[in-house]
Amino acid sequence: MKGLGFAACAALLVGISGSVSSCGKSPGNSSDSVASTGVSITAPVLKRVSSWDVQTVDDGGESEDNVGQHTSIAFDPADGYPAIAYYNVSDFHSLGDGPGGHNIGQYISQDWKAGSSVGFAYYDATDGELIYTEYYPALLMISSVTVAEGDDMGKWADFKYKTYDDPRFSFYNDTDNDCQYAELAE
């Protein structure tokens, strides 16, 4: 898959103006290279602020659980409220109890379908798999499916809907040390 590599993304984040580059193998070239797309970009300057309003989402309650690792934020398109998903280290889950005591929910990412459901991608550390779950609030229903299975697939997952019913995933394959991409097969 072609796209922006880390170097180009890092350049965008620090506000360098220049050409977008794709890191990887160029078509017809077997060696690693950086190919310029010729597109000029100017990054916006971030507004300087003197302080941020930081709030606690979950303090672990009376048990003082270790909560809040691997966070993901998305905004409900219906009301604009933030939805924050995170991993509960003490109980090994993000989305309710894992099946059979599974250690689920690490590296969680989420995205909303317009007004109907929210989807999650996360790592199942017990089985070493990338899991996709959809939650339908109006129906109080959850549905899950394995996206990538193997010895260690799905760490550092990211997930977005390209269109209404078309989820896309990027994740780390720890077995092969590869960055991978998944979409629905045709």
C-alpha atoms as a PDB file:
ATOM      1  CA  MET A   1       0.000   0.000   0.000  1.00  0.00           C
ATOM      2  CA  LYS A   2       1.327   3.435  -0.903  1.00  0.00           C
ATOM      3  CA  GLY A   3       0.959   6.408   1.397  1.00  0.00           C
ATOM      4  CA  LEU A   4       2.703   8.822   3.671  1.00  0.00           C
ATOM      5  CA  GLY A   5       5.497   7.251   5.629  1.00  0.00           C
ATOM      6  CA  PHE A   6       6.602   8.263   9.101  1.00  0.00           C
ATOM      7  CA  ALA A   7       9.103  10.843   7.856  1.00  0.00           C
ATOM      8  CA  ALA A   8       6.481  12.718   5.832  1.00  0.00           C
ATOM      9  CA  CYS A   9       3.992  12.597   8.700  1.00  0.00           C
ATOM     10  CA  ALA A  10       6.596  13.862  11.144  1.00  0.00           C
ATOM     11  CA  ALA A  11       7.398  16.744   8.791  1.00  0.00           C
ATOM     12  CA  LEU A  12       3.714  17.667   8.645  1.00  0.00           C
ATOM     13  CA  LEU A  13       3.379  17.571  12.430  1.00  0.00           C
ATOM     14  CA  VAL A  14       6.263  19.900  13.113  1.00  0.00           C
ATOM     15  CA  GLY A  15       5.036  22.421  10.542  1.00  0.00           C
ATOM     16  CA  ILE A  16       7.668  22.140   7.823  1.00  0.00           C
ATOM     17  CA  SER A  17       6.497  23.441   4.455  1.00  0.00           C
ATOM     18  CA  GLY A  18       7.595  21.508   1.370  1.00  0.00           C
ATOM     19  CA  SER A  19       6.767  18.490  -0.745  1.00  0.00           C
ATOM     20  CA  VAL A  20       4.879  15.449   0.482  1.00  0.00           C
ATOM     21  CA  SER A  21       7.051  12.366   0.322  1.00  0.00           C
ATOM     22  CA  SER A  22       6.202   8.704   0.335  1.00  0.00           C
ATOM     23  CA  CYS A  23       8.715   6.518   2.122  1.00  0.00           C
ATOM     24  CA  GLY A  24       9.088   3.040   0.720  1.00  0.00           C
ATOM     25  CA  LYS A  25       9.688   1.334  -2.569  1.00  0.00           C
ATOM     26  CA  SER A  26       8.997   3.341  -5.714  1.00  0.00           C
ATOM     27  CA  PRO A  27       7.254   1.571  -8.609  1.00  0.00           C
ATOM     28  CA  GLY A  28       9.873  -0.205 -10.710  1.00  0.00           C
ATOM     29  CA  ASN A  29      12.551   0.344  -8.088  1.00  0.00           C
ATOM     30  CA  SER A  30      13.546  -2.505  -5.783  1.00  0.00           C
ATOM     31  CA  SER A  31      15.471  -0.296  -3.357  1.00  0.00           C
ATOM     32  CA  ASP A  32      14.022   1.774  -0.540  1.00  0.00           C
ATOM     33  CA  SER A  33      13.672   5.430  -1.464  1.00  0.00           C
ATOM     34  CA  VAL A  34      11.765   8.595  -0.780  1.00  0.00           C
ATOM     35  CA  ALA A  35       9.687   9.732  -3.749  1.00  0.00           C
ATOM     36  CA  SER A  36       8.296  13.252  -3.932  1.00  0.00           C
ATOM     37  CA  THR A  37       4.679  13.689  -5.016  1.00  0.00           C
ATOM     38  CA  GLY A  38       5.285  17.324  -5.948  1.00  0.00           C
ATOM     39  CA  VAL A  39       2.394  18.530  -3.781  1.00  0.00           C
ATOM     40  CA  SER A  40       3.245  21.634  -1.783  1.00  0.00           C
ATOM     41  CA  ILE A  41       1.875  21.891   1.745  1.00  0.00           C
ATOM     42  CA  THR A  42       1.929  24.585   4.344  1.00  0.00           C
ATOM     43  CA  ALA A  43       1.129  23.445   7.857  1.00  0.00           C
ATOM     44  CA  PRO A  44      -0.994  25.735  10.044  1.00  0.00           C
ATOM     45  CA  VAL A  45       0.571  27.307  13.096  1.00  0.00           C
ATOM     46  CA  LEU A  46      -0.838  25.975  16.359  1.00  0.00           C
ATOM     47  CA  LYS A  47      -2.502  28.500  18.626  1.00  0.00           C
ATOM     48  CA  ARG A  48      -0.473  29.087  21.774  1.00  0.00           C
ATOM     49  CA  VAL A  49      -2.466  28.609  24.945  1.00  0.00           C
ATOM     50  CA  SER A  50      -1.480  29.288  28.519  1.00  0.00           C
ATOM     51  CA  SER A  51      -3.404  26.375  30.038  1.00  0.00           C
ATOM     52  CA  TRP A  52      -5.630  23.418  29.299  1.00  0.00           C
ATOM     53  CA  ASP A  53      -8.756  22.292  31.165  1.00  0.00           C
ATOM     54  CA  VAL A  54      -7.747  18.727  32.121  1.00  0.00           C
ATOM     55  CA  GLN A  55     -10.444  16.477  33.632  1.00  0.00           C
ATOM     56  CA  THR A  56     -10.382  12.958  35.064  1.00  0.00           C
ATOM     57  CA  VAL A  57     -12.519  10.559  33.043  1.00  0.00           C
ATOM     58  CA  ASP A  58     -12.165   7.516  35.344  1.00  0.00           C
ATOM     59  CA  ASP A  59     -10.120   7.380  38.546  1.00  0.00           C
ATOM     60  CA  GLY A  60     -10.518   3.638  39.095  1.00  0.00           C
ATOM     61  CA  GLY A  61     -13.047   4.078  41.886  1.00  0.00           C
ATOM     62  CA  GLU A  62     -12.653   2.572  45.338  1.00  0.00           C
ATOM     63  CA  SER A  63     -10.569  -0.305  44.009  1.00  0.00           C
ATOM     64  CA  GLU A  64      -8.167   2.230  42.474  1.00  0.00           C
ATOM     65  CA  ASP A  65      -7.904   0.158  39.296  1.00  0.00           C
ATOM     66  CA  ASN A  66      -5.156   0.994  36.839  1.00  0.00           C
ATOM     67  CA  VAL A  67      -7.343   2.555  34.120  1.00  0.00           C
ATOM     68  CA  GLY A  68      -6.742   4.791  31.131  1.00  0.00           C
ATOM     69  CA  GLN A  69      -4.044   3.186  29.000  1.00  0.00           C
ATOM     70  CA  HIS A  70      -4.361   3.079  25.191  1.00  0.00           C
ATOM     71  CA  THR A  71      -6.946   5.875  24.970  1.00  0.00           C
ATOM     72  CA  SER A  72      -9.004   6.836  21.943  1.00  0.00           C
ATOM     73  CA  ILE A  73     -11.386   9.773  21.549  1.00  0.00           C
ATOM     74  CA  ALA A  74     -14.163  10.301  19.015  1.00  0.00           C
ATOM     75  CA  PHE A  75     -17.140  12.625  18.937  1.00  0.00           C
ATOM     76  CA  ASP A  76     -20.714  11.386  18.719  1.00  0.00           C
ATOM     77  CA  PRO A  77     -22.067  12.964  15.496  1.00  0.00           C
ATOM     78  CA  ALA A  78     -25.578  13.150  16.972  1.00  0.00           C
ATOM     79  CA  ASP A  79     -24.769  15.313  19.995  1.00  0.00           C
ATOM     80  CA  GLY A  80     -21.082  16.255  19.710  1.00  0.00           C
ATOM     81  CA  TYR A  81     -20.144  14.715  23.057  1.00  0.00           C
ATOM     82  CA  PRO A  82     -16.753  13.038  23.327  1.00  0.00           C
ATOM     83  CA  ALA A  83     -16.623   9.272  23.635  1.00  0.00           C
ATOM     84  CA  ILE A  84     -13.436   8.058  25.272  1.00  0.00           C
ATOM     85  CA  ALA A  85     -12.405   4.425  25.059  1.00  0.00           C
ATOM     86  CA  TYR A  86      -9.509   3.105  27.125  1.00  0.00           C
ATOM     87  CA  TYR A  87      -7.912  -0.045  28.476  1.00  0.00           C
ATOM     88  CA  ASN A  88      -8.459  -1.129  32.089  1.00  0.00           C
ATOM     89  CA  VAL A  89      -5.175  -2.804  33.077  1.00  0.00           C
ATOM     90  CA  SER A  90      -6.519  -4.149  36.380  1.00  0.00           C
ATOM     91  CA  ASP A  91      -9.484  -5.945  34.799  1.00  0.00           C
ATOM     92  CA  PHE A  92      -7.952  -6.679  31.364  1.00  0.00           C
ATOM     93  CA  HIS A  93     -10.712  -5.155  29.257  1.00  0.00           C
ATOM     94  CA  SER A  94     -12.096  -2.095  27.539  1.00  0.00           C
ATOM     95  CA  LEU A  95     -15.536  -3.218  26.401  1.00  0.00           C
ATOM     96  CA  GLY A  96     -17.077  -5.146  29.276  1.00  0.00           C
ATOM     97  CA  ASP A  97     -15.775  -8.500  30.399  1.00  0.00           C
ATOM     98  CA  GLY A  98     -13.606 -10.360  27.943  1.00  0.00           C
ATOM     99  CA  PRO A  99     -14.894 -13.798  26.918  1.00  0.00           C
ATOM    100  CA  GLY A 100     -13.465 -16.505  29.158  1.00  0.00           C
ATOM    101  CA  GLY A 101     -11.176 -14.065  30.988  1.00  0.00           C
ATOM    102  CA  HIS A 102      -9.541 -12.819  27.792  1.00  0.00           C
ATOM    103  CA  ASN A 103      -7.166  -9.889  28.029  1.00  0.00           C
ATOM    104  CA  ILE A 104      -8.878  -7.616  25.493  1.00  0.00           C
ATOM    105  CA  GLY A 105      -8.890  -3.926  24.674  1.00  0.00           C
ATOM    106  CA  GLN A 106      -5.268  -2.895  24.361  1.00  0.00           C
ATOM    107  CA  TYR A 107      -4.402  -0.401  21.599  1.00  0.00           C
ATOM    108  CA  ILE A 108      -8.057   0.569  21.157  1.00  0.00           C
ATOM    109  CA  SER A 109      -9.252   2.886  18.390  1.00  0.00           C
ATOM    110  CA  GLN A 110     -12.801   4.035  17.604  1.00  0.00           C
ATOM    111  CA  ASP A 111     -14.914   5.747  14.977  1.00  0.00           C
ATOM    112  CA  TRP A 112     -18.628   6.606  14.686  1.00  0.00           C
ATOM    113  CA  LYS A 113     -21.094   5.801  11.953  1.00  0.00           C
ATOM    114  CA  ALA A 114     -23.364   8.787  11.446  1.00  0.00           C
ATOM    115  CA  GLY A 115     -25.907   8.515  14.246  1.00  0.00           C
ATOM    116  CA  SER A 116     -26.226   4.729  14.402  1.00  0.00           C
ATOM    117  CA  SER A 117     -23.258   2.959  15.953  1.00  0.00           C
ATOM    118  CA  VAL A 118     -19.690   3.245  17.115  1.00  0.00           C
ATOM    119  CA  GLY A 119     -16.981   0.837  15.987  1.00  0.00           C
ATOM    120  CA  PHE A 120     -13.869  -0.222  17.860  1.00  0.00           C
ATOM    121  CA  ALA A 121     -10.648  -1.919  16.829  1.00  0.00           C
ATOM    122  CA  TYR A 122      -8.529  -3.413  19.588  1.00  0.00           C
ATOM    123  CA  TYR A 123      -5.955  -6.044  20.395  1.00  0.00           C
ATOM    124  CA  ASP A 124      -6.892  -9.347  22.051  1.00  0.00           C
ATOM    125  CA  ALA A 125      -3.671 -10.124  23.958  1.00  0.00           C
ATOM    126  CA  THR A 126      -4.876 -13.608  24.936  1.00  0.00           C
ATOM    127  CA  ASP A 127      -5.242 -14.793  21.324  1.00  0.00           C
ATOM    128  CA  GLY A 128      -2.922 -12.259  19.627  1.00  0.00           C
ATOM    129  CA  GLU A 129      -5.666 -10.988  17.276  1.00  0.00           C
ATOM    130  CA  LEU A 130      -7.071  -7.714  15.960  1.00  0.00           C
ATOM    131  CA  ILE A 131     -10.780  -7.507  16.821  1.00  0.00           C
ATOM    132  CA  TYR A 132     -13.438  -5.210  15.318  1.00  0.00           C
ATOM    133  CA  THR A 133     -16.527  -4.545  17.450  1.00  0.00           C
ATOM    134  CA  GLU A 134     -19.593  -2.466  16.674  1.00  0.00           C
ATOM    135  CA  TYR A 135     -21.891  -1.151  19.376  1.00  0.00           C
ATOM    136  CA  TYR A 136     -25.449  -0.134  18.454  1.00  0.00           C
ATOM    137  CA  PRO A 137     -26.674   2.126  21.319  1.00  0.00           C
ATOM    138  CA  ALA A 138     -30.318   2.237  20.214  1.00  0.00           C
ATOM    139  CA  LEU A 139     -30.482  -1.571  20.142  1.00  0.00           C
ATOM    140  CA  LEU A 140     -28.155  -2.167  23.114  1.00  0.00           C
ATOM    141  CA  MET A 141     -26.372  -4.686  20.884  1.00  0.00           C
ATOM    142  CA  ILE A 142     -22.694  -5.515  20.366  1.00  0.00           C
ATOM    143  CA  SER A 143     -21.263  -7.465  17.446  1.00  0.00           C
ATOM    144  CA  SER A 144     -17.609  -8.542  17.073  1.00  0.00           C
ATOM    145  CA  VAL A 145     -15.437 -10.175  14.421  1.00  0.00           C
ATOM    146  CA  THR A 146     -11.738 -11.035  14.111  1.00  0.00           C
ATOM    147  CA  VAL A 147      -9.980  -8.892  11.476  1.00  0.00           C
ATOM    148  CA  ALA A 148      -6.493 -10.428  11.648  1.00  0.00           C
ATOM    149  CA  GLU A 149      -5.468 -13.557  13.463  1.00  0.00           C
ATOM    150  CA  GLY A 150      -2.096 -15.084  14.038  1.00  0.00           C
ATOM    151  CA  ASP A 151       0.560 -15.173  16.678  1.00  0.00           C
ATOM    152  CA  ASP A 152       0.635 -11.451  17.417  1.00  0.00           C
ATOM    153  CA  MET A 153      -1.550  -9.345  15.119  1.00  0.00           C
ATOM    154  CA  GLY A 154      -3.251  -6.067  15.988  1.00  0.00           C
ATOM    155  CA  LYS A 155      -1.056  -4.044  18.283  1.00  0.00           C
ATOM    156  CA  TRP A 156      -1.171  -0.240  17.895  1.00  0.00           C
ATOM    157  CA  ALA A 157      -4.422  -0.499  15.928  1.00  0.00           C
ATOM    158  CA  ASP A 158      -6.030   2.456  14.205  1.00  0.00           C
ATOM    159  CA  PHE A 159      -9.474   2.305  12.653  1.00  0.00           C
ATOM    160  CA  LYS A 160     -11.746   4.574  10.620  1.00  0.00           C
ATOM    161  CA  TYR A 161     -14.826   4.174   8.428  1.00  0.00           C
ATOM    162  CA  LYS A 162     -13.988   5.164   4.859  1.00  0.00           C
ATOM    163  CA  THR A 163     -17.695   5.273   4.094  1.00  0.00           C
ATOM    164  CA  TYR A 164     -20.746   4.319   6.155  1.00  0.00           C
ATOM    165  CA  ASP A 165     -20.239   0.542   6.040  1.00  0.00           C
ATOM    166  CA  ASP A 166     -16.579   0.304   5.038  1.00  0.00           C
ATOM    167  CA  PRO A 167     -14.191  -0.053   8.019  1.00  0.00           C
ATOM    168  CA  ARG A 168     -10.427   0.256   7.428  1.00  0.00           C
ATOM    169  CA  PHE A 169      -7.662  -0.777   9.828  1.00  0.00           C
ATOM    170  CA  SER A 170      -3.956  -0.218  10.241  1.00  0.00           C
ATOM    171  CA  PHE A 171      -2.004  -2.174  12.824  1.00  0.00           C
ATOM    172  CA  TYR A 172       1.308  -3.723  13.779  1.00  0.00           C
ATOM    173  CA  ASN A 173       2.069  -7.379  13.076  1.00  0.00           C
ATOM    174  CA  ASP A 174       4.514  -8.223  15.871  1.00  0.00           C
ATOM    175  CA  THR A 175       5.319 -11.654  14.400  1.00  0.00           C
ATOM    176  CA  ASP A 176       6.645 -10.299  11.086  1.00  0.00           C
ATOM    177  CA  ASN A 177       7.515  -6.792  12.375  1.00  0.00           C
ATOM    178  CA  ASP A 178       5.277  -5.215   9.718  1.00  0.00           C
ATOM    179  CA  CYS A 179       2.801  -2.367   9.560  1.00  0.00           C
ATOM    180  CA  GLN A 180      -0.349  -3.810   7.989  1.00  0.00           C
ATOM    181  CA  TYR A 181      -3.621  -2.539   6.491  1.00  0.00           C
ATOM    182  CA  ALA A 182      -6.964  -4.354   6.335  1.00  0.00           C
ATOM    183  CA  GLU A 183     -10.177  -3.657   4.452  1.00  0.00           C
ATOM    184  CA  LEU A 184     -13.191  -5.785   3.576  1.00  0.00           C
ATOM    185  CA  ALA A 185     -12.438  -8.325   0.857  1.00  0.00           C
ATOM    186  CA  GLU A 186     -14.475  -7.955  -2.308  1.00  0.00           C
END
